[in-house]
Amino acid sequence: MPDQSVLPALPVTFRPGRTRAVLLTAAGAIFVVITVVALLLPTLGPGERLSFVFTAALLAGVLGLLSRPRVMADESGVTVVNITARRQLGWAEIVQVNLRVGDPWVFLDLTDGTSLPALGIQPGIAKQRAIEDARTLRALVEARSVTEPDRHRD
């Protein structure tokens, strides 16, 4: 069992901070630039200007969705928020936390035999941070999903 003194206090949230900052900054910049271009081009009519702004908002929205992933751990379990989906897991549902060389993000092996991608921990820009976050989540899972040995009733 992992040392309880090195585990973070719950609740704790893991998210790719640098990636999120880049995506949200790009979303804002794209929206502002396209909107300013739409307003400054003298040959555009009102409908065309509106379509430029709508396109800018759509692009910013997509980048906003891409910045959404996170993994939240609390007393009741782990919540994985990916781009468009959210799933809550009890501690006992998680068998293993995996981040192998070359993996784009962490995968959670579940008791039902499936694997759930957790995009909130990804080694893209901040590889060392992702490795530390994966180790921390693994330690939390090991500490909190202790199962009792099988007891047979006679």
C-alpha atoms as a PDB file:
ATOM      1  CA  MET A   1       0.000   0.000   0.000  1.00  0.00           C
ATOM      2  CA  PRO A   2       1.361   3.479  -0.855  1.00  0.00           C
ATOM      3  CA  ASP A   3       2.560   5.832   1.857  1.00  0.00           C
ATOM      4  CA  GLN A   4      -0.459   7.938   2.862  1.00  0.00           C
ATOM      5  CA  SER A   5       1.757  10.919   3.759  1.00  0.00           C
ATOM      6  CA  VAL A   6       2.773  11.531   0.126  1.00  0.00           C
ATOM      7  CA  LEU A   7      -0.747  11.407  -1.291  1.00  0.00           C
ATOM      8  CA  PRO A   8      -2.356  14.757  -2.117  1.00  0.00           C
ATOM      9  CA  ALA A   9      -5.336  15.994  -0.145  1.00  0.00           C
ATOM     10  CA  LEU A  10      -8.637  15.342  -1.880  1.00  0.00           C
ATOM     11  CA  PRO A  11     -10.240  16.725  -3.944  1.00  0.00           C
ATOM     12  CA  VAL A  12      -7.481  17.055  -6.527  1.00  0.00           C
ATOM     13  CA  THR A  13      -7.764  17.924 -10.226  1.00  0.00           C
ATOM     14  CA  PHE A  14      -5.335  16.909 -12.947  1.00  0.00           C
ATOM     15  CA  ARG A  15      -5.387  18.808 -16.232  1.00  0.00           C
ATOM     16  CA  PRO A  16      -2.873  19.639 -18.953  1.00  0.00           C
ATOM     17  CA  GLY A  17      -2.226  23.233 -17.862  1.00  0.00           C
ATOM     18  CA  ARG A  18       0.072  24.404 -20.645  1.00  0.00           C
ATOM     19  CA  THR A  19      -2.017  22.794 -23.364  1.00  0.00           C
ATOM     20  CA  ARG A  20      -5.142  24.395 -21.910  1.00  0.00           C
ATOM     21  CA  ALA A  21      -3.460  27.821 -21.775  1.00  0.00           C
ATOM     22  CA  VAL A  22      -2.302  27.535 -25.393  1.00  0.00           C
ATOM     23  CA  LEU A  23      -5.747  26.422 -26.604  1.00  0.00           C
ATOM     24  CA  LEU A  24      -7.660  29.141 -24.741  1.00  0.00           C
ATOM     25  CA  THR A  25      -5.197  31.837 -25.827  1.00  0.00           C
ATOM     26  CA  ALA A  26      -5.468  30.675 -29.437  1.00  0.00           C
ATOM     27  CA  ALA A  27      -9.271  30.616 -29.168  1.00  0.00           C
ATOM     28  CA  GLY A  28      -9.363  34.203 -27.944  1.00  0.00           C
ATOM     29  CA  ALA A  29      -6.839  35.421 -30.516  1.00  0.00           C
ATOM     30  CA  ILE A  30      -8.620  33.698 -33.412  1.00  0.00           C
ATOM     31  CA  PHE A  31     -11.969  35.122 -32.353  1.00  0.00           C
ATOM     32  CA  VAL A  32     -10.593  38.665 -32.009  1.00  0.00           C
ATOM     33  CA  VAL A  33      -8.613  38.608 -35.282  1.00  0.00           C
ATOM     34  CA  ILE A  34     -11.438  37.199 -37.406  1.00  0.00           C
ATOM     35  CA  THR A  35     -13.978  39.572 -35.840  1.00  0.00           C
ATOM     36  CA  VAL A  36     -11.722  42.608 -36.404  1.00  0.00           C
ATOM     37  CA  VAL A  37     -11.104  41.543 -40.007  1.00  0.00           C
ATOM     38  CA  ALA A  38     -14.857  41.197 -40.530  1.00  0.00           C
ATOM     39  CA  LEU A  39     -15.466  44.687 -39.164  1.00  0.00           C
ATOM     40  CA  LEU A  40     -12.615  46.329 -41.095  1.00  0.00           C
ATOM     41  CA  LEU A  41     -13.275  44.912 -44.563  1.00  0.00           C
ATOM     42  CA  PRO A  42     -15.330  47.612 -46.293  1.00  0.00           C
ATOM     43  CA  THR A  43     -16.751  45.357 -49.005  1.00  0.00           C
ATOM     44  CA  LEU A  44     -18.563  42.989 -46.644  1.00  0.00           C
ATOM     45  CA  GLY A  45     -22.266  43.294 -46.051  1.00  0.00           C
ATOM     46  CA  PRO A  46     -23.931  42.744 -42.652  1.00  0.00           C
ATOM     47  CA  GLY A  47     -24.682  39.075 -43.372  1.00  0.00           C
ATOM     48  CA  GLU A  48     -21.111  38.374 -44.391  1.00  0.00           C
ATOM     49  CA  ARG A  49     -19.777  40.136 -41.299  1.00  0.00           C
ATOM     50  CA  LEU A  50     -22.099  38.047 -39.157  1.00  0.00           C
ATOM     51  CA  SER A  51     -20.914  34.852 -40.856  1.00  0.00           C
ATOM     52  CA  PHE A  52     -17.290  35.815 -40.110  1.00  0.00           C
ATOM     53  CA  VAL A  53     -18.115  36.369 -36.433  1.00  0.00           C
ATOM     54  CA  PHE A  54     -20.111  33.122 -36.316  1.00  0.00           C
ATOM     55  CA  THR A  55     -17.179  31.212 -37.845  1.00  0.00           C
ATOM     56  CA  ALA A  56     -14.799  32.801 -35.332  1.00  0.00           C
ATOM     57  CA  ALA A  57     -17.104  31.797 -32.465  1.00  0.00           C
ATOM     58  CA  LEU A  58     -17.364  28.256 -33.829  1.00  0.00           C
ATOM     59  CA  LEU A  59     -13.567  27.902 -34.068  1.00  0.00           C
ATOM     60  CA  ALA A  60     -13.127  29.349 -30.564  1.00  0.00           C
ATOM     61  CA  GLY A  61     -15.783  26.941 -29.277  1.00  0.00           C
ATOM     62  CA  VAL A  62     -13.989  23.929 -30.750  1.00  0.00           C
ATOM     63  CA  LEU A  63     -10.718  25.034 -29.149  1.00  0.00           C
ATOM     64  CA  GLY A  64     -12.616  25.546 -25.891  1.00  0.00           C
ATOM     65  CA  LEU A  65     -13.903  21.959 -26.066  1.00  0.00           C
ATOM     66  CA  LEU A  66     -10.370  20.706 -26.680  1.00  0.00           C
ATOM     67  CA  SER A  67      -9.258  22.489 -23.488  1.00  0.00           C
ATOM     68  CA  ARG A  68     -11.978  20.797 -21.376  1.00  0.00           C
ATOM     69  CA  PRO A  69     -10.318  17.470 -20.372  1.00  0.00           C
ATOM     70  CA  ARG A  70      -9.498  16.909 -16.720  1.00  0.00           C
ATOM     71  CA  VAL A  71      -9.406  14.141 -14.145  1.00  0.00           C
ATOM     72  CA  MET A  72     -10.890  14.931 -10.738  1.00  0.00           C
ATOM     73  CA  ALA A  73     -10.361  12.691  -7.719  1.00  0.00           C
ATOM     74  CA  ASP A  74     -12.382  13.035  -4.523  1.00  0.00           C
ATOM     75  CA  GLU A  75     -13.463  10.856  -1.619  1.00  0.00           C
ATOM     76  CA  SER A  76     -16.103   9.049  -3.699  1.00  0.00           C
ATOM     77  CA  GLY A  77     -13.918   8.248  -6.705  1.00  0.00           C
ATOM     78  CA  VAL A  78     -12.612   9.663  -9.952  1.00  0.00           C
ATOM     79  CA  THR A  79     -14.443  11.792 -12.512  1.00  0.00           C
ATOM     80  CA  VAL A  80     -12.963  11.751 -16.012  1.00  0.00           C
ATOM     81  CA  VAL A  81     -13.984  14.689 -18.195  1.00  0.00           C
ATOM     82  CA  ASN A  82     -12.940  14.236 -21.815  1.00  0.00           C
ATOM     83  CA  ILE A  83     -13.760  16.439 -24.804  1.00  0.00           C
ATOM     84  CA  THR A  84     -17.505  15.770 -24.916  1.00  0.00           C
ATOM     85  CA  ALA A  85     -18.065  13.064 -22.294  1.00  0.00           C
ATOM     86  CA  ARG A  86     -17.959  12.871 -18.507  1.00  0.00           C
ATOM     87  CA  ARG A  87     -17.788   9.641 -16.515  1.00  0.00           C
ATOM     88  CA  GLN A  88     -17.771   9.101 -12.768  1.00  0.00           C
ATOM     89  CA  LEU A  89     -16.003   6.037 -11.409  1.00  0.00           C
ATOM     90  CA  GLY A  90     -15.863   4.618  -7.925  1.00  0.00           C
ATOM     91  CA  TRP A  91     -12.377   3.863  -6.625  1.00  0.00           C
ATOM     92  CA  ALA A  92     -13.074   0.125  -6.742  1.00  0.00           C
ATOM     93  CA  GLU A  93     -13.936   0.315 -10.473  1.00  0.00           C
ATOM     94  CA  ILE A  94     -10.370   1.262 -11.425  1.00  0.00           C
ATOM     95  CA  VAL A  95      -7.978  -1.672 -11.725  1.00  0.00           C
ATOM     96  CA  GLN A  96      -4.911   0.123 -13.057  1.00  0.00           C
ATOM     97  CA  VAL A  97      -3.650   3.533 -14.215  1.00  0.00           C
ATOM     98  CA  ASN A  98      -1.466   3.282 -17.348  1.00  0.00           C
ATOM     99  CA  LEU A  99       0.793   5.801 -19.058  1.00  0.00           C
ATOM    100  CA  ARG A 100       3.171   3.843 -21.259  1.00  0.00           C
ATOM    101  CA  VAL A 101       5.887   5.259 -23.496  1.00  0.00           C
ATOM    102  CA  GLY A 102       4.213   6.656 -26.608  1.00  0.00           C
ATOM    103  CA  ASP A 103       0.708   6.847 -25.093  1.00  0.00           C
ATOM    104  CA  PRO A 104      -1.011  10.158 -25.904  1.00  0.00           C
ATOM    105  CA  TRP A 105      -2.721  10.179 -22.473  1.00  0.00           C
ATOM    106  CA  VAL A 106      -3.464   8.040 -19.436  1.00  0.00           C
ATOM    107  CA  PHE A 107      -5.673   4.977 -19.778  1.00  0.00           C
ATOM    108  CA  LEU A 108      -7.679   3.611 -16.857  1.00  0.00           C
ATOM    109  CA  ASP A 109      -8.225  -0.154 -16.892  1.00  0.00           C
ATOM    110  CA  LEU A 110     -11.633  -0.864 -15.376  1.00  0.00           C
ATOM    111  CA  THR A 111     -13.133  -3.853 -13.592  1.00  0.00           C
ATOM    112  CA  ASP A 112     -15.566  -4.456 -16.468  1.00  0.00           C
ATOM    113  CA  GLY A 113     -12.621  -5.266 -18.756  1.00  0.00           C
ATOM    114  CA  THR A 114     -12.689  -1.977 -20.662  1.00  0.00           C
ATOM    115  CA  SER A 115     -10.150   0.804 -20.787  1.00  0.00           C
ATOM    116  CA  LEU A 116     -11.113   4.467 -20.395  1.00  0.00           C
ATOM    117  CA  PRO A 117      -8.896   7.198 -21.868  1.00  0.00           C
ATOM    118  CA  ALA A 118      -8.307  10.040 -19.409  1.00  0.00           C
ATOM    119  CA  LEU A 119      -7.307  12.992 -21.576  1.00  0.00           C
ATOM    120  CA  GLY A 120      -6.754  15.171 -18.513  1.00  0.00           C
ATOM    121  CA  ILE A 121      -3.286  13.666 -18.067  1.00  0.00           C
ATOM    122  CA  GLN A 122      -1.346  13.878 -21.321  1.00  0.00           C
ATOM    123  CA  PRO A 123       2.404  14.094 -21.863  1.00  0.00           C
ATOM    124  CA  GLY A 124       2.222  16.355 -24.933  1.00  0.00           C
ATOM    125  CA  ILE A 125       3.806  19.645 -23.838  1.00  0.00           C
ATOM    126  CA  ALA A 126       4.616  18.858 -20.182  1.00  0.00           C
ATOM    127  CA  LYS A 127       5.822  15.259 -20.197  1.00  0.00           C
ATOM    128  CA  GLN A 128       7.354  15.235 -16.706  1.00  0.00           C
ATOM    129  CA  ARG A 129       4.230  16.783 -15.175  1.00  0.00           C
ATOM    130  CA  ALA A 130       2.058  14.126 -16.856  1.00  0.00           C
ATOM    131  CA  ILE A 131       4.281  11.345 -15.513  1.00  0.00           C
ATOM    132  CA  GLU A 132       4.058  12.791 -11.985  1.00  0.00           C
ATOM    133  CA  ASP A 133       0.271  13.188 -12.273  1.00  0.00           C
ATOM    134  CA  ALA A 134      -0.102   9.605 -13.516  1.00  0.00           C
ATOM    135  CA  ARG A 135       1.997   8.322 -10.600  1.00  0.00           C
ATOM    136  CA  THR A 136      -0.069  10.343  -8.136  1.00  0.00           C
ATOM    137  CA  LEU A 137      -3.342   9.063  -9.569  1.00  0.00           C
ATOM    138  CA  ARG A 138      -1.970   5.507  -9.537  1.00  0.00           C
ATOM    139  CA  ALA A 139      -1.009   5.888  -5.858  1.00  0.00           C
ATOM    140  CA  LEU A 140      -4.463   7.266  -5.023  1.00  0.00           C
ATOM    141  CA  VAL A 141      -6.132   4.345  -6.810  1.00  0.00           C
ATOM    142  CA  GLU A 142      -3.930   1.825  -5.016  1.00  0.00           C
ATOM    143  CA  ALA A 143      -4.608   3.435  -1.641  1.00  0.00           C
ATOM    144  CA  ARG A 144      -8.363   3.822  -2.061  1.00  0.00           C
ATOM    145  CA  SER A 145      -9.478   0.812  -4.067  1.00  0.00           C
ATOM    146  CA  VAL A 146      -8.327  -1.803  -1.618  1.00  0.00           C
ATOM    147  CA  THR A 147     -10.643  -4.754  -2.005  1.00  0.00           C
ATOM    148  CA  GLU A 148     -11.359  -7.301   0.645  1.00  0.00           C
ATOM    149  CA  PRO A 149     -10.182 -10.845  -0.046  1.00  0.00           C
ATOM    150  CA  ASP A 150     -12.828 -13.194  -1.355  1.00  0.00           C
ATOM    151  CA  ARG A 151     -14.782 -14.750   1.447  1.00  0.00           C
ATOM    152  CA  HIS A 152     -16.560 -17.965   0.720  1.00  0.00           C
ATOM    153  CA  ARG A 153     -19.758 -18.676   2.564  1.00  0.00           C
ATOM    154  CA  ASP A 154     -20.163 -22.234   3.747  1.00  0.00           C
END
